[in-house]
N, C-alpha and C. Protein backbone atom coordinates (compact mmCIF):
# COMPACT_ATOMS: atom_id res chain seq x y z
N ASN A 1 69.90 262.24 141.42
CA ASN A 1 69.44 263.43 140.72
C ASN A 1 67.92 263.53 140.80
N GLU A 2 67.46 264.72 140.66
CA GLU A 2 66.02 264.95 140.79
C GLU A 2 65.59 265.99 139.77
N VAL A 3 64.43 265.75 139.16
CA VAL A 3 63.87 266.69 138.19
C VAL A 3 62.93 267.63 138.91
N VAL A 4 63.12 268.94 138.73
CA VAL A 4 62.24 269.94 139.32
C VAL A 4 61.88 270.95 138.24
N THR A 5 60.63 270.93 137.79
CA THR A 5 60.17 271.89 136.79
C THR A 5 59.17 272.88 137.37
N SER A 6 58.78 272.66 138.62
CA SER A 6 57.81 273.56 139.24
C SER A 6 58.46 274.89 139.58
N LYS A 7 57.66 275.94 139.61
CA LYS A 7 58.16 277.29 139.89
C LYS A 7 58.10 277.63 141.37
N TYR A 8 57.11 277.08 142.08
CA TYR A 8 56.80 277.56 143.43
C TYR A 8 56.83 276.42 144.45
N THR A 9 57.00 276.83 145.72
CA THR A 9 56.71 275.97 146.85
C THR A 9 55.59 276.66 147.62
N VAL A 10 55.11 276.04 148.66
CA VAL A 10 54.04 276.66 149.44
C VAL A 10 54.50 278.00 150.03
N ALA A 11 55.76 278.04 150.47
CA ALA A 11 56.28 279.25 151.10
C ALA A 11 56.58 280.36 150.10
N THR A 12 56.93 280.00 148.87
CA THR A 12 57.34 281.03 147.91
C THR A 12 56.25 281.41 146.92
N PHE A 13 55.09 280.77 146.99
CA PHE A 13 54.07 281.03 145.98
C PHE A 13 53.62 282.49 145.96
N LEU A 14 53.21 283.02 147.09
CA LEU A 14 52.66 284.38 147.11
C LEU A 14 53.69 285.44 146.70
N PRO A 15 54.89 285.47 147.31
CA PRO A 15 55.82 286.52 146.89
C PRO A 15 56.29 286.40 145.44
N LYS A 16 56.59 285.17 145.00
CA LYS A 16 57.04 285.00 143.62
C LYS A 16 55.94 285.32 142.63
N ASN A 17 54.72 284.89 142.94
CA ASN A 17 53.62 285.14 142.03
C ASN A 17 53.29 286.62 141.94
N LEU A 18 53.28 287.31 143.06
CA LEU A 18 53.02 288.75 143.03
C LEU A 18 54.12 289.49 142.28
N ALA A 19 55.36 289.07 142.45
CA ALA A 19 56.46 289.69 141.70
C ALA A 19 56.27 289.47 140.21
N MET A 20 55.85 288.26 139.83
CA MET A 20 55.61 287.98 138.42
C MET A 20 54.44 288.80 137.89
N GLN A 21 53.37 288.91 138.68
CA GLN A 21 52.19 289.67 138.26
C GLN A 21 52.55 291.14 138.03
N PHE A 22 53.31 291.71 138.95
CA PHE A 22 53.61 293.13 138.86
C PHE A 22 54.86 293.43 138.05
N SER A 23 55.44 292.41 137.43
CA SER A 23 56.50 292.68 136.45
C SER A 23 55.87 293.12 135.13
N ARG A 24 54.58 292.92 134.99
CA ARG A 24 53.86 293.39 133.80
C ARG A 24 53.46 294.85 134.01
N LEU A 25 53.77 295.68 133.04
CA LEU A 25 53.53 297.11 133.15
C LEU A 25 52.04 297.42 133.33
N ALA A 26 51.18 296.69 132.66
CA ALA A 26 49.74 296.94 132.76
C ALA A 26 49.24 296.73 134.20
N ASN A 27 49.74 295.70 134.86
CA ASN A 27 49.31 295.45 136.24
C ASN A 27 49.80 296.55 137.18
N CYS A 28 51.00 297.07 136.94
CA CYS A 28 51.49 298.19 137.75
C CYS A 28 50.62 299.43 137.54
N TYR A 29 50.24 299.66 136.30
CA TYR A 29 49.37 300.80 135.97
C TYR A 29 48.04 300.68 136.72
N PHE A 30 47.41 299.52 136.64
CA PHE A 30 46.11 299.35 137.30
C PHE A 30 46.24 299.39 138.82
N LEU A 31 47.37 298.97 139.36
CA LEU A 31 47.59 299.08 140.80
C LEU A 31 47.63 300.55 141.23
N VAL A 32 48.35 301.36 140.48
CA VAL A 32 48.43 302.79 140.81
C VAL A 32 47.07 303.45 140.66
N ILE A 33 46.36 303.16 139.57
CA ILE A 33 45.03 303.75 139.35
C ILE A 33 44.07 303.31 140.44
N SER A 34 44.11 302.03 140.82
CA SER A 34 43.23 301.54 141.88
C SER A 34 43.52 302.24 143.19
N PHE A 35 44.81 302.40 143.50
CA PHE A 35 45.19 303.09 144.73
C PHE A 35 44.69 304.53 144.74
N LEU A 36 44.87 305.22 143.62
CA LEU A 36 44.41 306.62 143.55
C LEU A 36 42.89 306.72 143.69
N GLN A 37 42.17 305.75 143.12
CA GLN A 37 40.71 305.79 143.22
C GLN A 37 40.24 305.48 144.64
N LEU A 38 41.00 304.70 145.38
CA LEU A 38 40.59 304.35 146.74
C LEU A 38 40.81 305.49 147.73
N LEU A 39 41.67 306.42 147.39
CA LEU A 39 41.89 307.56 148.26
C LEU A 39 40.67 308.49 148.23
N PRO A 40 40.28 309.03 149.37
CA PRO A 40 39.09 309.90 149.41
C PRO A 40 39.42 311.34 148.97
N LEU A 41 40.03 311.48 147.82
CA LEU A 41 40.42 312.80 147.33
C LEU A 41 39.47 313.34 146.26
N GLY A 42 38.54 312.53 145.83
CA GLY A 42 37.60 312.96 144.79
C GLY A 42 38.24 313.02 143.41
N LEU A 43 39.30 312.23 143.18
CA LEU A 43 39.98 312.22 141.88
C LEU A 43 39.24 311.39 140.84
N SER A 44 38.41 310.49 141.27
CA SER A 44 37.78 309.55 140.35
C SER A 44 36.35 309.96 140.03
N PRO A 45 35.99 309.95 138.75
CA PRO A 45 34.60 310.24 138.38
C PRO A 45 33.69 309.03 138.56
N THR A 46 34.27 307.86 138.87
CA THR A 46 33.48 306.64 139.05
C THR A 46 33.53 306.20 140.51
N ASN A 47 32.93 305.08 140.78
CA ASN A 47 32.92 304.50 142.12
C ASN A 47 34.35 304.22 142.58
N ARG A 48 34.59 304.29 143.87
CA ARG A 48 35.94 304.07 144.42
C ARG A 48 36.46 302.68 144.12
N PHE A 49 35.57 301.70 144.00
CA PHE A 49 36.00 300.32 143.79
C PHE A 49 35.81 299.87 142.34
N ALA A 50 35.59 300.80 141.43
CA ALA A 50 35.33 300.45 140.03
C ALA A 50 36.54 299.80 139.36
N THR A 51 37.72 300.14 139.78
CA THR A 51 38.92 299.53 139.21
C THR A 51 39.51 298.48 140.14
N ALA A 52 39.51 298.74 141.43
CA ALA A 52 40.15 297.84 142.39
C ALA A 52 39.46 296.47 142.44
N GLY A 53 38.14 296.45 142.39
CA GLY A 53 37.41 295.18 142.46
C GLY A 53 37.73 294.25 141.30
N PRO A 54 37.51 294.69 140.06
CA PRO A 54 37.85 293.82 138.93
C PRO A 54 39.34 293.47 138.87
N PHE A 55 40.20 294.43 139.23
CA PHE A 55 41.64 294.17 139.23
C PHE A 55 41.99 293.06 140.22
N ALA A 56 41.40 293.10 141.41
CA ALA A 56 41.64 292.06 142.42
C ALA A 56 41.14 290.70 141.94
N VAL A 57 39.99 290.69 141.27
CA VAL A 57 39.44 289.44 140.75
C VAL A 57 40.38 288.85 139.69
N ILE A 58 40.87 289.69 138.79
CA ILE A 58 41.78 289.22 137.74
C ILE A 58 43.07 288.68 138.34
N LEU A 59 43.63 289.39 139.33
CA LEU A 59 44.84 288.90 139.99
C LEU A 59 44.59 287.55 140.67
N ALA A 60 43.44 287.43 141.33
CA ALA A 60 43.10 286.17 142.02
C ALA A 60 42.94 285.02 141.02
N LEU A 61 42.30 285.30 139.90
CA LEU A 61 42.14 284.26 138.87
C LEU A 61 43.48 283.84 138.29
N ASN A 62 44.36 284.80 138.04
CA ASN A 62 45.69 284.47 137.54
C ASN A 62 46.48 283.66 138.56
N MET A 63 46.33 284.00 139.85
CA MET A 63 47.02 283.24 140.89
C MET A 63 46.47 281.81 140.98
N ALA A 64 45.17 281.67 140.87
CA ALA A 64 44.56 280.33 140.91
C ALA A 64 45.03 279.49 139.73
N ARG A 65 45.10 280.09 138.55
CA ARG A 65 45.57 279.37 137.37
C ARG A 65 47.03 278.94 137.55
N GLU A 66 47.87 279.84 138.03
CA GLU A 66 49.28 279.51 138.27
C GLU A 66 49.42 278.39 139.31
N ALA A 67 48.61 278.45 140.37
CA ALA A 67 48.67 277.40 141.40
C ALA A 67 48.26 276.05 140.82
N TYR A 68 47.23 276.04 139.99
CA TYR A 68 46.78 274.79 139.37
C TYR A 68 47.86 274.24 138.44
N GLU A 69 48.43 275.10 137.60
CA GLU A 69 49.47 274.64 136.68
C GLU A 69 50.70 274.14 137.42
N ASP A 70 51.07 274.83 138.51
CA ASP A 70 52.23 274.40 139.27
C ASP A 70 51.97 273.09 140.01
N SER A 71 50.75 272.88 140.46
CA SER A 71 50.44 271.60 141.11
C SER A 71 50.56 270.45 140.10
N LYS A 72 50.18 270.72 138.85
CA LYS A 72 50.37 269.70 137.81
C LYS A 72 51.85 269.44 137.56
N ARG A 73 52.67 270.48 137.61
CA ARG A 73 54.12 270.31 137.45
C ARG A 73 54.70 269.48 138.61
N HIS A 74 54.22 269.75 139.84
CA HIS A 74 54.70 268.98 141.00
C HIS A 74 54.35 267.50 140.83
N ARG A 75 53.13 267.22 140.37
CA ARG A 75 52.73 265.82 140.17
C ARG A 75 53.57 265.15 139.08
N ALA A 76 53.82 265.87 137.98
CA ALA A 76 54.64 265.32 136.90
C ALA A 76 56.07 265.09 137.39
N ASP A 77 56.60 266.01 138.17
CA ASP A 77 57.95 265.85 138.73
C ASP A 77 58.01 264.61 139.62
N ALA A 78 57.01 264.44 140.47
CA ALA A 78 57.00 263.28 141.36
C ALA A 78 56.94 261.99 140.57
N GLN A 79 56.16 261.99 139.50
CA GLN A 79 56.03 260.79 138.68
C GLN A 79 57.38 260.45 138.01
N VAL A 80 58.05 261.45 137.47
CA VAL A 80 59.35 261.22 136.83
C VAL A 80 60.39 260.82 137.87
N ASN A 81 60.39 261.46 139.02
CA ASN A 81 61.40 261.18 140.04
C ASN A 81 61.22 259.83 140.71
N ASN A 82 60.03 259.25 140.63
CA ASN A 82 59.79 257.94 141.25
C ASN A 82 59.95 256.79 140.28
N ARG A 83 60.37 257.06 139.07
CA ARG A 83 60.62 255.98 138.10
C ARG A 83 61.89 255.22 138.47
N ARG A 84 61.92 253.98 138.07
CA ARG A 84 63.13 253.19 138.26
C ARG A 84 64.14 253.63 137.21
N ALA A 85 65.36 253.67 137.63
CA ALA A 85 66.45 254.03 136.72
C ALA A 85 67.53 252.95 136.78
N SER A 86 68.12 252.71 135.64
CA SER A 86 69.23 251.76 135.63
C SER A 86 70.54 252.54 135.53
N VAL A 87 71.50 252.08 136.28
CA VAL A 87 72.80 252.75 136.35
C VAL A 87 73.77 251.97 135.47
N VAL A 88 74.40 252.67 134.55
CA VAL A 88 75.39 252.06 133.68
C VAL A 88 76.77 252.29 134.29
N GLN A 89 77.49 251.19 134.47
CA GLN A 89 78.83 251.31 135.09
C GLN A 89 79.92 250.95 134.11
């Protein structure tokens, strides 16, 4: 048996994390607003990157935090899985 408490692998980190990020309604809202501001339609009274830049930074920081926490989970899992166990028969 093996204990696995981590959420991600190297291959699944980006898609799973983005799905988790955009499951929050606020992030979907800011994605739409950022997209509309980036279009050259003159819809925004502010700079084109006024929302997209900070939004991208916040997403990147959340991803970095999740990666750090998941790496700690992987280390804890490895530590538990490498312990000696006694089998009762």
